């Protein structure tokens, strides 16, 4: 996937790029943060872009699919596992099985989100593979 945006900050070999929310943003797996009508994302600055440059940012489709699978499927599987564990615990404690199942499902769902967030924050899942790359400077601002 290729998107175009404007560099708003450069720190070493990384840059923060502002994108306007286009059609590609709806299914995007990048961890962008909103700022008004713009979305911000960190990218590797291999093109040596400067603040104000309009740049081409790319992330491979297979990386997008893998990221989406991780962010969407891991919590789903945790939810289902939590339900099964809750049902098993309810049976073992001679309780109605659905209530502990539902409680277990939502507890595991919450834990999965916290686990993913902790993994990204700690850098376990923040590899170069999941980081978009500034491939080219499309235009520089007039000086």
Protein backbone atom coordinates (compact mmCIF):
# COMPACT_ATOMS: atom_id res chain seq x y z
CA UNK A 1 0.00 0.00 0.00
CA UNK A 2 1.31 3.42 -0.94
CA UNK A 3 0.11 6.65 0.65
CA UNK A 4 1.26 10.24 0.34
CA UNK A 5 1.73 12.65 3.22
CA UNK A 6 3.65 15.59 4.60
CA UNK A 7 6.59 15.27 7.02
CA UNK A 8 5.88 17.16 10.24
CA UNK A 9 8.86 16.03 12.37
CA UNK A 10 12.22 14.34 11.79
CA UNK A 11 14.27 12.63 14.51
CA UNK A 12 17.32 10.72 13.31
CA UNK A 13 16.27 8.10 10.78
CA UNK A 14 12.57 8.33 11.72
CA UNK A 15 9.96 10.85 10.63
CA UNK A 16 6.41 11.65 11.60
CA UNK A 17 4.19 11.92 8.54
CA UNK A 18 0.74 13.56 8.44
CA UNK A 19 -1.82 11.97 6.15
CA UNK A 20 -5.26 13.23 5.27
CA UNK A 21 -7.79 10.48 5.95
CA UNK A 22 -8.36 8.94 2.54
CA UNK A 23 -10.10 5.74 1.48
CA UNK A 24 -7.03 3.70 2.42
CA UNK A 25 -7.36 4.73 6.08
CA UNK A 26 -10.52 2.69 6.61
CA UNK A 27 -8.77 -0.68 6.51
CA UNK A 28 -5.29 0.44 7.49
CA UNK A 29 -3.35 -1.44 10.14
CA UNK A 30 -0.90 1.38 10.87
CA UNK A 31 -1.01 2.76 14.35
CA UNK A 32 -1.86 6.33 13.46
CA UNK A 33 -2.92 9.02 15.89
CA UNK A 34 -5.48 11.61 14.91
CA UNK A 35 -4.73 15.33 14.83
CA UNK A 36 -7.75 17.17 13.50
CA UNK A 37 -8.54 15.83 10.04
CA UNK A 38 -5.00 14.45 9.69
CA UNK A 39 -3.59 11.11 10.78
CA UNK A 40 0.00 10.86 12.05
CA UNK A 41 2.27 7.86 11.63
CA UNK A 42 5.93 7.17 12.34
CA UNK A 43 7.98 6.00 9.34
CA UNK A 44 11.57 5.06 8.60
CA UNK A 45 13.13 7.98 6.75
CA UNK A 46 15.27 6.19 4.15
CA UNK A 47 14.66 8.99 1.60
CA UNK A 48 16.13 11.59 4.00
CA UNK A 49 13.02 13.74 3.90
CA UNK A 50 12.92 17.05 5.73
CA UNK A 51 10.10 18.77 7.61
CA UNK A 52 7.53 20.05 5.12
CA UNK A 53 8.41 17.58 2.35
CA UNK A 54 5.57 15.79 0.58
CA UNK A 55 6.55 12.10 0.59
CA UNK A 56 5.55 8.67 -0.66
CA UNK A 57 5.13 6.21 2.22
CA UNK A 58 4.86 2.47 1.62
CA UNK A 59 4.08 -0.62 3.61
CA UNK A 60 3.91 -4.06 2.02
CA UNK A 61 0.48 -5.63 1.60
CA UNK A 62 1.59 -8.85 3.32
CA UNK A 63 2.69 -6.82 6.34
CA UNK A 64 -0.70 -5.09 6.41
CA UNK A 65 -2.43 -8.47 6.32
CA UNK A 66 -0.22 -9.87 9.06
CA UNK A 67 -0.76 -6.80 11.21
CA UNK A 68 -4.52 -6.91 10.68
CA UNK A 69 -4.59 -10.61 11.54
CA UNK A 70 -2.65 -9.95 14.71
CA UNK A 71 -4.80 -7.04 15.82
CA UNK A 72 -8.16 -8.62 14.94
CA UNK A 73 -7.73 -12.39 15.17
CA UNK A 74 -5.69 -12.60 18.38
CA UNK A 75 -8.43 -10.89 20.45
CA UNK A 76 -11.07 -13.04 18.75
CA UNK A 77 -9.25 -16.25 19.67
CA UNK A 78 -8.67 -14.95 23.20
CA UNK A 79 -12.40 -14.18 23.48
CA UNK A 80 -13.32 -17.72 22.39
CA UNK A 81 -10.71 -19.30 24.66
CA UNK A 82 -11.93 -17.20 27.58
CA UNK A 83 -15.48 -18.38 26.96
CA UNK A 84 -14.41 -22.03 26.93
CA UNK A 85 -12.30 -21.63 30.06
CA UNK A 86 -15.19 -19.83 31.79
CA UNK A 87 -17.62 -22.61 30.83
CA UNK A 88 -15.18 -25.23 32.12
CA UNK A 89 -14.72 -23.31 35.38
CA UNK A 90 -18.49 -22.94 35.76
CA UNK A 91 -18.97 -26.67 35.26
CA UNK A 92 -16.26 -27.48 37.79
CA UNK A 93 -17.87 -25.15 40.34
CA UNK A 94 -21.41 -26.41 39.59
CA UNK A 95 -22.50 -22.97 38.35
CA UNK A 96 -24.66 -22.19 35.32
CA UNK A 97 -22.06 -22.44 32.56
CA UNK A 98 -23.02 -19.45 30.40
CA UNK A 99 -22.44 -16.72 32.99
CA UNK A 100 -18.84 -17.72 33.79
CA UNK A 101 -18.31 -18.30 30.06
CA UNK A 102 -19.35 -14.76 29.16
CA UNK A 103 -17.31 -13.29 32.03
CA UNK A 104 -14.28 -15.32 30.98
CA UNK A 105 -14.69 -14.25 27.35
CA UNK A 106 -14.66 -10.55 28.18
CA UNK A 107 -11.82 -10.90 30.69
CA UNK A 108 -9.67 -12.66 28.08
CA UNK A 109 -10.67 -10.11 25.42
CA UNK A 110 -9.53 -7.27 27.69
CA UNK A 111 -6.32 -9.10 28.54
CA UNK A 112 -5.60 -9.66 24.84
CA UNK A 113 -5.86 -5.93 24.12
CA UNK A 114 -3.65 -5.11 27.10
CA UNK A 115 -1.17 -7.77 26.01
CA UNK A 116 -0.98 -6.45 22.45
CA UNK A 117 -0.54 -2.90 23.69
CA UNK A 118 2.21 -3.97 26.10
CA UNK A 119 3.96 -5.97 23.35
CA UNK A 120 3.97 -2.99 20.97
CA UNK A 121 5.01 -0.57 23.72
CA UNK A 122 7.85 -2.82 24.87
CA UNK A 123 9.07 -3.19 21.30
CA UNK A 124 8.40 -6.91 21.09
CA UNK A 125 6.12 -6.45 18.07
CA UNK A 126 7.52 -3.12 16.91
CA UNK A 127 9.94 -4.45 14.36
CA UNK A 128 11.11 -2.76 11.17
CA UNK A 129 8.67 -5.01 9.35
CA UNK A 130 5.63 -3.25 10.81
CA UNK A 131 7.08 0.25 10.32
CA UNK A 132 6.16 2.11 7.11
CA UNK A 133 9.00 3.44 4.97
CA UNK A 134 9.35 6.82 3.28
CA UNK A 135 10.36 5.64 -0.18
CA UNK A 136 10.67 8.98 -1.98
CA UNK A 137 10.37 12.71 -1.59
CA UNK A 138 7.69 13.79 -4.05
CA UNK A 139 8.14 17.54 -3.59
CA UNK A 140 9.93 19.97 -1.31
CA UNK A 141 8.42 23.24 -0.11
CA UNK A 142 9.59 26.43 -1.80
CA UNK A 143 12.25 28.13 0.34
